[in-house]
Amino acid sequence: MASDREACCTPGRDCDAELPPDDSCSTETGEVTTSTGMVRLSGGTFTMGSDGNEAHPEDGEGPLREVTVAPFLIDRCAVTNAEFFRFVDETGYTTDAERYGWSFVFRGFVDNTEPDYVLDTVTETPWWVAVKGATWLAPEGPGSNVLRDRLDHPVVHVSHNDARAYCSWAGKRLLTEAEWEYAARGGLVGARFPWGEDLKPEGEHRCNIWQGTFPEENTAADGYRGTAPVDAYSPNGYGLSNTIGNVWEWCADWFSPTYHRTPAADQMNPTGPPDGTARVMRGGSYLCHDSYCNRYRVAARSQNTADSSTGNLGFRCARDVNSAD
């Protein structure tokens, strides 16, 4: 059931897991916020990746490279529970987590008495447990419900498959990895974070990541122990909220640590390798801590299988620019 694929970030389902059948803000000059809550980015050439000491070699962050992206529209915020609820309500869509009957939940959110709905633990990272009944609607499993007080929080426990289904319904798409990094940087060149080099400029918390000693104690000094509202912190230079921390965000690309170093890789509107076994995730989450995972930097990347879902993984949508925009 459980797999340790990039488990410190988001554990994944085993590749041979059998899926049951389906029954079912302000912007810089030149960037425009639309009436639909999307921001139009003008695109251009930027420096992607990182060669710094913080980079994880196995992730393939480097080398630094010049990449060009065309103009595109991007959601100002990650998709919320309210938005995903409307999608499910209108379509009757069933997520992968619902079809499997379980999803991965951070152990700190689960009753310590080992309830019978805890099905499995990821051995290498025991803070992740497979919880029966954990879904986007019940992110901690039985008894939890996002409709009570988390409608403006990012939807989680959504697989790559689920994210693409939502995008199709909304007339949008997932961002390419290059688009995601271009947008997350907010116009800054070479910075570690969307706002600059310091994680907490002048002591101000600018993102939702783990505070304290992981995984035993979260002081919630940044205001949140779990997910935060999608616009909880100051936006970046493009008017985009929470591009790092809070929840990981699915990208469209297949993951490879080396493909972008090969002659086959495009530098103009790159879309990643033609196939693979896992999809790219970007941005880090509320569970990231520099003691084990500093992937809340704008250049950091990770991966998971397309049917995997966890309590710290969501998505944001994009759309091609057309003549009406």
C-alpha atoms as a PDB file:
ATOM      1  CA  MET A   1       0.000   0.000   0.000  1.00  0.00           C
ATOM      2  CA  ALA A   2       2.437   2.676   1.198  1.00  0.00           C
ATOM      3  CA  SER A   3       5.537   3.672  -0.725  1.00  0.00           C
ATOM      4  CA  ASP A   4       8.463   5.818   0.388  1.00  0.00           C
ATOM      5  CA  ARG A   5       8.753   7.684  -2.925  1.00  0.00           C
ATOM      6  CA  GLU A   6       9.999  11.138  -1.792  1.00  0.00           C
ATOM      7  CA  ALA A   7       8.217  10.201   1.432  1.00  0.00           C
ATOM      8  CA  CYS A   8       9.588  13.052   3.504  1.00  0.00           C
ATOM      9  CA  CYS A   9       7.617  15.380   1.241  1.00  0.00           C
ATOM     10  CA  THR A  10       4.612  13.373   0.080  1.00  0.00           C
ATOM     11  CA  PRO A  11       4.466   9.562   0.207  1.00  0.00           C
ATOM     12  CA  GLY A  12       3.099   7.811  -2.859  1.00  0.00           C
ATOM     13  CA  ARG A  13       1.011   4.793  -3.645  1.00  0.00           C
ATOM     14  CA  ASP A  14       2.822   1.678  -4.842  1.00  0.00           C
ATOM     15  CA  CYS A  15       3.122   1.587  -8.605  1.00  0.00           C
ATOM     16  CA  ASP A  16       1.226  -1.726  -8.676  1.00  0.00           C
ATOM     17  CA  ALA A  17      -1.611  -0.519  -6.454  1.00  0.00           C
ATOM     18  CA  GLU A  18      -4.944  -1.527  -7.966  1.00  0.00           C
ATOM     19  CA  LEU A  19      -7.429   1.280  -8.410  1.00  0.00           C
ATOM     20  CA  PRO A  20     -11.098   0.337  -8.051  1.00  0.00           C
ATOM     21  CA  PRO A  21     -13.373   1.180 -10.976  1.00  0.00           C
ATOM     22  CA  ASP A  22     -14.835   4.662 -11.128  1.00  0.00           C
ATOM     23  CA  ASP A  23     -18.508   4.741 -10.141  1.00  0.00           C
ATOM     24  CA  SER A  24     -19.280   7.846 -10.766  1.00  0.00           C
ATOM     25  CA  CYS A  25      -4.307  40.621  -6.145  1.00  0.00           C
ATOM     26  CA  SER A  26      -1.794  43.570  -6.980  1.00  0.00           C
ATOM     27  CA  THR A  27       0.724  42.916  -9.760  1.00  0.00           C
ATOM     28  CA  GLU A  28       3.828  44.461 -11.248  1.00  0.00           C
ATOM     29  CA  THR A  29       3.599  46.654 -14.322  1.00  0.00           C
ATOM     30  CA  GLY A  30       2.531  44.631 -17.344  1.00  0.00           C
ATOM     31  CA  GLU A  31       0.789  41.894 -15.313  1.00  0.00           C
ATOM     32  CA  VAL A  32      -3.008  41.993 -15.251  1.00  0.00           C
ATOM     33  CA  THR A  33      -5.448  40.431 -12.804  1.00  0.00           C
ATOM     34  CA  THR A  34      -8.565  39.235 -14.611  1.00  0.00           C
ATOM     35  CA  SER A  35     -12.157  39.133 -13.395  1.00  0.00           C
ATOM     36  CA  THR A  36     -11.807  35.366 -13.029  1.00  0.00           C
ATOM     37  CA  GLY A  37      -9.123  35.603 -10.347  1.00  0.00           C
ATOM     38  CA  MET A  38      -6.336  34.835 -12.776  1.00  0.00           C
ATOM     39  CA  VAL A  39      -3.220  36.901 -13.422  1.00  0.00           C
ATOM     40  CA  ARG A  40      -1.910  37.411 -16.945  1.00  0.00           C
ATOM     41  CA  LEU A  41       1.855  36.993 -17.034  1.00  0.00           C
ATOM     42  CA  SER A  42       3.751  38.379 -19.991  1.00  0.00           C
ATOM     43  CA  GLY A  43       6.288  35.550 -20.095  1.00  0.00           C
ATOM     44  CA  GLY A  44       9.875  35.879 -21.219  1.00  0.00           C
ATOM     45  CA  THR A  45      13.299  34.447 -20.510  1.00  0.00           C
ATOM     46  CA  PHE A  46      14.398  33.723 -16.950  1.00  0.00           C
ATOM     47  CA  THR A  47      17.056  31.732 -15.090  1.00  0.00           C
ATOM     48  CA  MET A  48      15.596  28.420 -13.903  1.00  0.00           C
ATOM     49  CA  GLY A  49      16.958  25.987 -11.330  1.00  0.00           C
ATOM     50  CA  SER A  50      19.694  26.181  -8.714  1.00  0.00           C
ATOM     51  CA  ASP A  51      23.327  25.172  -8.324  1.00  0.00           C
ATOM     52  CA  GLY A  52      23.453  26.147  -4.655  1.00  0.00           C
ATOM     53  CA  ASN A  53      24.497  24.011  -1.705  1.00  0.00           C
ATOM     54  CA  GLU A  54      20.872  23.688  -0.614  1.00  0.00           C
ATOM     55  CA  ALA A  55      19.889  21.842  -3.777  1.00  0.00           C
ATOM     56  CA  HIS A  56      19.063  18.151  -3.547  1.00  0.00           C
ATOM     57  CA  PRO A  57      21.209  16.416  -6.223  1.00  0.00           C
ATOM     58  CA  GLU A  58      18.694  13.607  -6.609  1.00  0.00           C
ATOM     59  CA  ASP A  59      16.005  16.117  -7.551  1.00  0.00           C
ATOM     60  CA  GLY A  60      17.880  17.597 -10.503  1.00  0.00           C
ATOM     61  CA  GLU A  61      17.453  21.267  -9.600  1.00  0.00           C
ATOM     62  CA  GLY A  62      20.541  22.233 -11.591  1.00  0.00           C
ATOM     63  CA  PRO A  63      22.192  23.338 -13.632  1.00  0.00           C
ATOM     64  CA  LEU A  64      21.137  26.972 -13.842  1.00  0.00           C
ATOM     65  CA  ARG A  65      19.710  27.486 -17.329  1.00  0.00           C
ATOM     66  CA  GLU A  66      17.988  30.125 -19.397  1.00  0.00           C
ATOM     67  CA  VAL A  67      14.406  29.162 -20.195  1.00  0.00           C
ATOM     68  CA  THR A  68      11.715  31.065 -22.087  1.00  0.00           C
ATOM     69  CA  VAL A  69       7.976  30.822 -21.494  1.00  0.00           C
ATOM     70  CA  ALA A  70       5.184  32.348 -23.565  1.00  0.00           C
ATOM     71  CA  PRO A  71       2.512  34.590 -21.995  1.00  0.00           C
ATOM     72  CA  PHE A  72      -0.025  32.680 -19.903  1.00  0.00           C
ATOM     73  CA  LEU A  73      -2.746  33.121 -17.305  1.00  0.00           C
ATOM     74  CA  ILE A  74      -2.373  31.681 -13.808  1.00  0.00           C
ATOM     75  CA  ASP A  75      -4.691  31.435 -10.820  1.00  0.00           C
ATOM     76  CA  ARG A  76      -3.781  33.984  -8.158  1.00  0.00           C
ATOM     77  CA  CYS A  77      -4.267  31.276  -5.517  1.00  0.00           C
ATOM     78  CA  ALA A  78      -4.311  27.504  -5.269  1.00  0.00           C
ATOM     79  CA  VAL A  79      -7.668  25.814  -5.883  1.00  0.00           C
ATOM     80  CA  THR A  80      -9.758  26.001  -2.712  1.00  0.00           C
ATOM     81  CA  ASN A  81     -12.046  23.500  -1.038  1.00  0.00           C
ATOM     82  CA  ALA A  82     -14.989  25.698  -2.028  1.00  0.00           C
ATOM     83  CA  GLU A  83     -13.988  25.610  -5.685  1.00  0.00           C
ATOM     84  CA  PHE A  84     -13.394  21.868  -5.659  1.00  0.00           C
ATOM     85  CA  PHE A  85     -16.728  21.343  -3.900  1.00  0.00           C
ATOM     86  CA  ARG A  86     -18.487  23.163  -6.744  1.00  0.00           C
ATOM     87  CA  PHE A  87     -16.695  20.937  -9.266  1.00  0.00           C
ATOM     88  CA  VAL A  88     -17.739  17.754  -7.442  1.00  0.00           C
ATOM     89  CA  ASP A  89     -21.263  19.037  -6.876  1.00  0.00           C
ATOM     90  CA  GLU A  90     -21.767  19.809 -10.567  1.00  0.00           C
ATOM     91  CA  THR A  91     -20.088  16.710 -12.007  1.00  0.00           C
ATOM     92  CA  GLY A  92     -20.368  13.973  -9.377  1.00  0.00           C
ATOM     93  CA  TYR A  93     -16.628  13.406  -9.742  1.00  0.00           C
ATOM     94  CA  THR A  94     -15.007  10.750  -7.529  1.00  0.00           C
ATOM     95  CA  THR A  95     -11.376  11.332  -6.575  1.00  0.00           C
ATOM     96  CA  ASP A  96      -8.656   8.688  -6.567  1.00  0.00           C
ATOM     97  CA  ALA A  97      -8.522   8.812  -2.748  1.00  0.00           C
ATOM     98  CA  GLU A  98     -12.246   8.050  -2.603  1.00  0.00           C
ATOM     99  CA  ARG A  99     -11.896   5.213  -5.081  1.00  0.00           C
ATOM    100  CA  TYR A 100      -8.973   3.663  -3.215  1.00  0.00           C
ATOM    101  CA  GLY A 101     -10.723   4.253   0.092  1.00  0.00           C
ATOM    102  CA  TRP A 102      -7.723   5.858   1.834  1.00  0.00           C
ATOM    103  CA  SER A 103      -5.090   8.557   1.574  1.00  0.00           C
ATOM    104  CA  PHE A 104      -1.932   9.688   3.418  1.00  0.00           C
ATOM    105  CA  VAL A 105      -2.323  11.873   6.508  1.00  0.00           C
ATOM    106  CA  PHE A 106       0.319  13.430   8.763  1.00  0.00           C
ATOM    107  CA  ARG A 107       0.390  11.342  11.927  1.00  0.00           C
ATOM    108  CA  GLY A 108       0.163  14.407  14.159  1.00  0.00           C
ATOM    109  CA  PHE A 109      -3.397  14.896  12.934  1.00  0.00           C
ATOM    110  CA  VAL A 110      -4.453  11.341  13.808  1.00  0.00           C
ATOM    111  CA  ASP A 111      -5.668  10.066  17.179  1.00  0.00           C
ATOM    112  CA  ASN A 112      -2.722   8.590  19.123  1.00  0.00           C
ATOM    113  CA  THR A 113      -4.804   5.601  20.189  1.00  0.00           C
ATOM    114  CA  GLU A 114      -4.192   3.992  16.789  1.00  0.00           C
ATOM    115  CA  PRO A 115      -7.790   3.933  15.553  1.00  0.00           C
ATOM    116  CA  ASP A 116      -8.729   1.113  13.253  1.00  0.00           C
ATOM    117  CA  TYR A 117      -8.919   3.471  10.310  1.00  0.00           C
ATOM    118  CA  VAL A 118      -5.095   3.779  10.300  1.00  0.00           C
ATOM    119  CA  LEU A 119      -4.277   1.158   7.690  1.00  0.00           C
ATOM    120  CA  ASP A 120      -0.512   1.455   7.279  1.00  0.00           C
ATOM    121  CA  THR A 121       2.588   3.505   8.142  1.00  0.00           C
ATOM    122  CA  VAL A 122       5.401   4.547   5.819  1.00  0.00           C
ATOM    123  CA  THR A 123       8.309   2.721   7.480  1.00  0.00           C
ATOM    124  CA  GLU A 124      11.073   5.154   6.571  1.00  0.00           C
ATOM    125  CA  THR A 125       8.976   8.196   7.518  1.00  0.00           C
ATOM    126  CA  PRO A 126       6.544   7.098  10.232  1.00  0.00           C
ATOM    127  CA  TRP A 127       4.940  10.538  10.436  1.00  0.00           C
ATOM    128  CA  TRP A 128       2.952   9.486   7.351  1.00  0.00           C
ATOM    129  CA  VAL A 129       0.051   7.065   7.812  1.00  0.00           C
ATOM    130  CA  ALA A 130      -2.497   5.680   5.366  1.00  0.00           C
ATOM    131  CA  VAL A 131      -5.912   6.584   6.766  1.00  0.00           C
ATOM    132  CA  LYS A 132      -9.134   4.907   5.718  1.00  0.00           C
ATOM    133  CA  GLY A 133     -11.688   7.473   4.620  1.00  0.00           C
ATOM    134  CA  ALA A 134      -9.231  10.373   4.266  1.00  0.00           C
ATOM    135  CA  THR A 135     -10.352  12.445   1.272  1.00  0.00           C
ATOM    136  CA  TRP A 136     -10.463  16.052   0.095  1.00  0.00           C
ATOM    137  CA  LEU A 137     -13.695  16.469   2.083  1.00  0.00           C
ATOM    138  CA  ALA A 138     -12.370  14.706   5.212  1.00  0.00           C
ATOM    139  CA  PRO A 139      -8.634  15.463   5.162  1.00  0.00           C
ATOM    140  CA  GLU A 140      -7.861  13.908   8.558  1.00  0.00           C
ATOM    141  CA  GLY A 141     -10.173  10.971   7.980  1.00  0.00           C
ATOM    142  CA  PRO A 142     -13.487  10.136   9.681  1.00  0.00           C
ATOM    143  CA  GLY A 143     -14.873  13.012  11.722  1.00  0.00           C
ATOM    144  CA  SER A 144     -13.137  15.812   9.818  1.00  0.00           C
ATOM    145  CA  ASN A 145     -14.910  18.019   7.288  1.00  0.00           C
ATOM    146  CA  VAL A 146     -13.550  21.005   5.341  1.00  0.00           C
ATOM    147  CA  LEU A 147     -17.030  22.469   4.892  1.00  0.00           C
ATOM    148  CA  ARG A 148     -17.054  23.522   8.550  1.00  0.00           C
ATOM    149  CA  ASP A 149     -14.252  26.063   8.521  1.00  0.00           C
ATOM    150  CA  ARG A 150     -11.805  25.446   5.668  1.00  0.00           C
ATOM    151  CA  LEU A 151     -13.618  26.483   2.514  1.00  0.00           C
ATOM    152  CA  ASP A 152     -10.897  29.040   1.756  1.00  0.00           C
ATOM    153  CA  HIS A 153      -8.064  26.576   2.353  1.00  0.00           C
ATOM    154  CA  PRO A 154      -6.400  24.711  -0.532  1.00  0.00           C
ATOM    155  CA  VAL A 155      -7.972  21.429  -1.500  1.00  0.00           C
ATOM    156  CA  VAL A 156      -5.739  18.454  -0.606  1.00  0.00           C
ATOM    157  CA  HIS A 157      -5.869  14.676  -1.052  1.00  0.00           C
ATOM    158  CA  VAL A 158      -6.146  15.289  -4.788  1.00  0.00           C
ATOM    159  CA  SER A 159      -4.087  13.238  -7.215  1.00  0.00           C
ATOM    160  CA  HIS A 160      -2.593  14.475 -10.467  1.00  0.00           C
ATOM    161  CA  ASN A 161      -5.482  12.713 -12.192  1.00  0.00           C
ATOM    162  CA  ASP A 162      -7.971  14.639 -10.047  1.00  0.00           C
ATOM    163  CA  ALA A 163      -6.217  17.943 -10.699  1.00  0.00           C
ATOM    164  CA  ARG A 164      -6.363  17.424 -14.460  1.00  0.00           C
ATOM    165  CA  ALA A 165     -10.047  16.509 -14.251  1.00  0.00           C
ATOM    166  CA  TYR A 166     -10.786  19.737 -12.386  1.00  0.00           C
ATOM    167  CA  CYS A 167      -8.773  21.772 -14.883  1.00  0.00           C
ATOM    168  CA  SER A 168     -10.671  20.242 -17.777  1.00  0.00           C
ATOM    169  CA  TRP A 169     -13.994  21.117 -16.151  1.00  0.00           C
ATOM    170  CA  ALA A 170     -12.827  24.677 -15.434  1.00  0.00           C
ATOM    171  CA  GLY A 171     -11.491  25.229 -18.965  1.00  0.00           C
ATOM    172  CA  LYS A 172      -7.950  25.475 -17.658  1.00  0.00           C
ATOM    173  CA  ARG A 173      -4.843  23.282 -17.346  1.00  0.00           C
ATOM    174  CA  LEU A 174      -1.968  22.557 -14.989  1.00  0.00           C
ATOM    175  CA  LEU A 175       1.124  24.730 -15.217  1.00  0.00           C
ATOM    176  CA  THR A 176       4.251  23.411 -16.817  1.00  0.00           C
ATOM    177  CA  GLU A 177       7.143  23.250 -14.376  1.00  0.00           C
ATOM    178  CA  ALA A 178       8.877  26.140 -16.155  1.00  0.00           C
ATOM    179  CA  GLU A 179       5.727  28.284 -15.974  1.00  0.00           C
ATOM    180  CA  TRP A 180       5.392  27.450 -12.297  1.00  0.00           C
ATOM    181  CA  GLU A 181       8.933  28.595 -11.440  1.00  0.00           C
ATOM    182  CA  TYR A 182       8.655  31.705 -13.608  1.00  0.00           C
ATOM    183  CA  ALA A 183       5.458  32.651 -11.784  1.00  0.00           C
ATOM    184  CA  ALA A 184       6.680  31.699  -8.302  1.00  0.00           C
ATOM    185  CA  ARG A 185       9.760  33.902  -8.620  1.00  0.00           C
ATOM    186  CA  GLY A 186       7.535  36.928  -9.038  1.00  0.00           C
ATOM    187  CA  GLY A 187      10.031  38.733 -11.238  1.00  0.00           C
ATOM    188  CA  LEU A 188      13.029  38.306  -8.925  1.00  0.00           C
ATOM    189  CA  VAL A 189      16.243  36.928 -10.434  1.00  0.00           C
ATOM    190  CA  GLY A 190      18.069  34.156  -8.612  1.00  0.00           C
ATOM    191  CA  ALA A 191      16.334  34.647  -5.250  1.00  0.00           C
ATOM    192  CA  ARG A 192      15.771  31.713  -2.885  1.00  0.00           C
ATOM    193  CA  PHE A 193      12.221  32.748  -2.083  1.00  0.00           C
ATOM    194  CA  PRO A 194       9.462  34.655  -3.899  1.00  0.00           C
ATOM    195  CA  TRP A 195      10.283  37.770  -1.850  1.00  0.00           C
ATOM    196  CA  GLY A 196      14.102  37.575  -1.683  1.00  0.00           C
ATOM    197  CA  GLU A 197      16.916  35.795   0.145  1.00  0.00           C
ATOM    198  CA  ASP A 198      15.773  35.786   3.778  1.00  0.00           C
ATOM    199  CA  LEU A 199      13.164  33.292   4.926  1.00  0.00           C
ATOM    200  CA  LYS A 200      11.783  35.749   7.488  1.00  0.00           C
ATOM    201  CA  PRO A 201      12.608  39.303   6.402  1.00  0.00           C
ATOM    202  CA  GLU A 202      12.631  41.518   9.495  1.00  0.00           C
ATOM    203  CA  GLY A 203      11.176  38.585  11.444  1.00  0.00           C
ATOM    204  CA  GLU A 204       8.004  38.401   9.356  1.00  0.00           C
ATOM    205  CA  HIS A 205       6.616  34.991   8.444  1.00  0.00           C
ATOM    206  CA  ARG A 206       5.959  34.990   4.715  1.00  0.00           C
ATOM    207  CA  CYS A 207       4.904  31.356   4.201  1.00  0.00           C
ATOM    208  CA  ASN A 208       3.374  28.367   5.972  1.00  0.00           C
ATOM    209  CA  ILE A 209       6.085  25.821   6.828  1.00  0.00           C
ATOM    210  CA  TRP A 210       6.929  23.774   9.925  1.00  0.00           C
ATOM    211  CA  GLN A 211       7.958  25.790  12.969  1.00  0.00           C
ATOM    212  CA  GLY A 212       9.680  23.967  15.818  1.00  0.00           C
ATOM    213  CA  THR A 213      11.218  20.489  15.951  1.00  0.00           C
ATOM    214  CA  PHE A 214      10.024  18.177  13.193  1.00  0.00           C
ATOM    215  CA  PRO A 215       8.003  16.006  13.517  1.00  0.00           C
ATOM    216  CA  GLU A 216       7.424  16.174  17.271  1.00  0.00           C
ATOM    217  CA  GLU A 217       6.570  19.813  17.895  1.00  0.00           C
ATOM    218  CA  ASN A 218       5.012  22.447  15.688  1.00  0.00           C
ATOM    219  CA  THR A 219       4.861  25.786  17.475  1.00  0.00           C
ATOM    220  CA  ALA A 220       2.733  27.237  14.673  1.00  0.00           C
ATOM    221  CA  ALA A 221       4.668  30.484  15.011  1.00  0.00           C
ATOM    222  CA  ASP A 222       3.584  31.339  11.464  1.00  0.00           C
ATOM    223  CA  GLY A 223      -0.050  31.055  12.498  1.00  0.00           C
ATOM    224  CA  TYR A 224      -0.951  27.572  11.276  1.00  0.00           C
ATOM    225  CA  ARG A 225      -0.361  23.921  12.193  1.00  0.00           C
ATOM    226  CA  GLY A 226      -1.951  22.607   9.027  1.00  0.00           C
ATOM    227  CA  THR A 227      -3.118  24.305   5.873  1.00  0.00           C
ATOM    228  CA  ALA A 228      -3.704  28.050   5.800  1.00  0.00           C
ATOM    229  CA  PRO A 229      -6.164  30.036   3.683  1.00  0.00           C
ATOM    230  CA  VAL A 230      -4.897  30.312   0.129  1.00  0.00           C
ATOM    231  CA  ASP A 231      -4.233  34.043   0.501  1.00  0.00           C
ATOM    232  CA  ALA A 232      -2.901  33.958   4.071  1.00  0.00           C
ATOM    233  CA  TYR A 233       0.394  35.707   3.336  1.00  0.00           C
ATOM    234  CA  SER A 234       1.576  38.640   1.261  1.00  0.00           C
ATOM    235  CA  PRO A 235       1.618  37.900  -2.488  1.00  0.00           C
ATOM    236  CA  ASN A 236       4.768  37.883  -4.589  1.00  0.00           C
ATOM    237  CA  GLY A 237       5.695  40.498  -7.177  1.00  0.00           C
ATOM    238  CA  TYR A 238       3.185  39.081  -9.651  1.00  0.00           C
ATOM    239  CA  GLY A 239       0.314  39.167  -7.145  1.00  0.00           C
ATOM    240  CA  LEU A 240       0.352  35.384  -6.584  1.00  0.00           C
ATOM    241  CA  SER A 241      -0.305  34.012  -3.106  1.00  0.00           C
ATOM    242  CA  ASN A 242       1.448  31.153  -1.307  1.00  0.00           C
ATOM    243  CA  THR A 243       3.666  30.033  -4.159  1.00  0.00           C
ATOM    244  CA  ILE A 244       5.828  28.314  -1.559  1.00  0.00           C
ATOM    245  CA  GLY A 245       4.719  26.544   1.594  1.00  0.00           C
ATOM    246  CA  ASN A 246       1.154  25.634   2.576  1.00  0.00           C
ATOM    247  CA  VAL A 247       0.696  22.828   0.028  1.00  0.00           C
ATOM    248  CA  TRP A 248       2.712  21.289  -2.747  1.00  0.00           C
ATOM    249  CA  GLU A 249       1.318  22.019  -6.206  1.00  0.00           C
ATOM    250  CA  TRP A 250       1.095  19.518  -9.040  1.00  0.00           C
ATOM    251  CA  CYS A 251       2.663  20.499 -12.374  1.00  0.00           C
ATOM    252  CA  ALA A 252       1.901  19.026 -15.779  1.00  0.00           C
ATOM    253  CA  ASP A 253       5.394  17.625 -16.464  1.00  0.00           C
ATOM    254  CA  TRP A 254       6.659  14.115 -16.024  1.00  0.00           C
ATOM    255  CA  PHE A 255       9.503  14.121 -13.520  1.00  0.00           C
ATOM    256  CA  SER A 256      13.124  13.442 -14.457  1.00  0.00           C
ATOM    257  CA  PRO A 257      16.268  14.565 -12.596  1.00  0.00           C
ATOM    258  CA  THR A 258      18.293  14.627 -15.801  1.00  0.00           C
ATOM    259  CA  TYR A 259      16.098  15.234 -18.866  1.00  0.00           C
ATOM    260  CA  HIS A 260      16.586  19.020 -18.844  1.00  0.00           C
ATOM    261  CA  ARG A 261      20.351  18.466 -19.214  1.00  0.00           C
ATOM    262  CA  THR A 262      19.986  16.581 -22.489  1.00  0.00           C
ATOM    263  CA  PRO A 263      19.885  17.941 -26.070  1.00  0.00           C
ATOM    264  CA  ALA A 264      16.282  16.763 -26.342  1.00  0.00           C
ATOM    265  CA  ALA A 265      15.116  19.289 -23.734  1.00  0.00           C
ATOM    266  CA  ASP A 266      13.559  22.461 -25.118  1.00  0.00           C
ATOM    267  CA  GLN A 267      14.576  25.827 -23.705  1.00  0.00           C
ATOM    268  CA  MET A 268      11.550  27.485 -25.295  1.00  0.00           C
ATOM    269  CA  ASN A 269       8.306  26.584 -23.476  1.00  0.00           C
ATOM    270  CA  PRO A 270       9.738  23.334 -22.047  1.00  0.00           C
ATOM    271  CA  THR A 271       7.239  20.648 -21.092  1.00  0.00           C
ATOM    272  CA  GLY A 272       9.563  18.006 -19.664  1.00  0.00           C
ATOM    273  CA  PRO A 273      10.191  14.447 -20.850  1.00  0.00           C
ATOM    274  CA  PRO A 274       7.641  12.690 -23.076  1.00  0.00           C
ATOM    275  CA  ASP A 275       6.857  10.040 -20.454  1.00  0.00           C
ATOM    276  CA  GLY A 276       7.781   8.849 -16.985  1.00  0.00           C
ATOM    277  CA  THR A 277       6.564   7.195 -13.796  1.00  0.00           C
ATOM    278  CA  ALA A 278       5.924  10.279 -11.641  1.00  0.00           C
ATOM    279  CA  ARG A 279       4.764  13.868 -12.044  1.00  0.00           C
ATOM    280  CA  VAL A 280       6.460  17.043 -10.831  1.00  0.00           C
ATOM    281  CA  MET A 281       5.401  18.789  -7.626  1.00  0.00           C
ATOM    282  CA  ARG A 282       6.535  22.272  -6.655  1.00  0.00           C
ATOM    283  CA  GLY A 283       6.464  24.699  -3.745  1.00  0.00           C
ATOM    284  CA  GLY A 284       6.827  22.683  -0.552  1.00  0.00           C
ATOM    285  CA  SER A 285       4.233  22.554   2.211  1.00  0.00           C
ATOM    286  CA  TYR A 286       3.356  23.221   5.842  1.00  0.00           C
ATOM    287  CA  LEU A 287       5.357  20.087   6.722  1.00  0.00           C
ATOM    288  CA  CYS A 288       8.649  21.299   5.246  1.00  0.00           C
ATOM    289  CA  HIS A 289      11.478  22.041   7.678  1.00  0.00           C
ATOM    290  CA  ASP A 290      15.138  22.728   6.954  1.00  0.00           C
ATOM    291  CA  SER A 291      16.209  19.910   9.283  1.00  0.00           C
ATOM    292  CA  TYR A 292      15.169  17.334   6.694  1.00  0.00           C
ATOM    293  CA  CYS A 293      13.503  18.992   3.691  1.00  0.00           C
ATOM    294  CA  ASN A 294      14.141  22.542   2.542  1.00  0.00           C
ATOM    295  CA  ARG A 295      12.115  22.165  -0.631  1.00  0.00           C
ATOM    296  CA  TYR A 296      10.193  25.346   0.056  1.00  0.00           C
ATOM    297  CA  ARG A 297      12.660  27.278  -2.117  1.00  0.00           C
ATOM    298  CA  VAL A 298      11.445  28.435  -5.550  1.00  0.00           C
ATOM    299  CA  ALA A 299      13.992  26.241  -7.371  1.00  0.00           C
ATOM    300  CA  ALA A 300      13.213  23.088  -5.389  1.00  0.00           C
ATOM    301  CA  ARG A 301      11.257  20.246  -6.922  1.00  0.00           C
ATOM    302  CA  SER A 302       9.867  16.848  -6.005  1.00  0.00           C
ATOM    303  CA  GLN A 303       7.722  14.098  -7.473  1.00  0.00           C
ATOM    304  CA  ASN A 304       4.926  11.610  -6.938  1.00  0.00           C
ATOM    305  CA  THR A 305       2.895   9.112  -8.911  1.00  0.00           C
ATOM    306  CA  ALA A 306      -0.186  10.432 -10.704  1.00  0.00           C
ATOM    307  CA  ASP A 307      -2.658   8.510  -8.527  1.00  0.00           C
ATOM    308  CA  SER A 308      -1.088   9.500  -5.182  1.00  0.00           C
ATOM    309  CA  SER A 309      -2.754  11.871  -2.732  1.00  0.00           C
ATOM    310  CA  THR A 310      -1.744  13.340   0.605  1.00  0.00           C
ATOM    311  CA  GLY A 311      -2.836  15.951   3.109  1.00  0.00           C
ATOM    312  CA  ASN A 312      -0.250  18.480   1.909  1.00  0.00           C
ATOM    313  CA  LEU A 313      -0.627  18.299  -1.862  1.00  0.00           C
ATOM    314  CA  GLY A 314      -2.910  20.461  -3.997  1.00  0.00           C
ATOM    315  CA  PHE A 315      -2.703  22.394  -7.271  1.00  0.00           C
ATOM    316  CA  ARG A 316      -3.118  25.700  -9.083  1.00  0.00           C
ATOM    317  CA  CYS A 317      -4.459  26.221 -12.600  1.00  0.00           C
ATOM    318  CA  ALA A 318      -3.246  28.017 -15.698  1.00  0.00           C
ATOM    319  CA  ARG A 319      -4.669  28.878 -19.104  1.00  0.00           C
ATOM    320  CA  ASP A 320      -3.258  29.838 -22.471  1.00  0.00           C
ATOM    321  CA  VAL A 321      -3.652  33.471 -23.465  1.00  0.00           C
ATOM    322  CA  ASN A 322      -6.159  34.108 -26.249  1.00  0.00           C
ATOM    323  CA  SER A 323      -7.179  37.189 -28.218  1.00  0.00           C
ATOM    324  CA  ALA A 324      -9.839  38.132 -25.667  1.00  0.00           C
ATOM    325  CA  ASP A 325      -7.365  38.371 -22.780  1.00  0.00           C
END
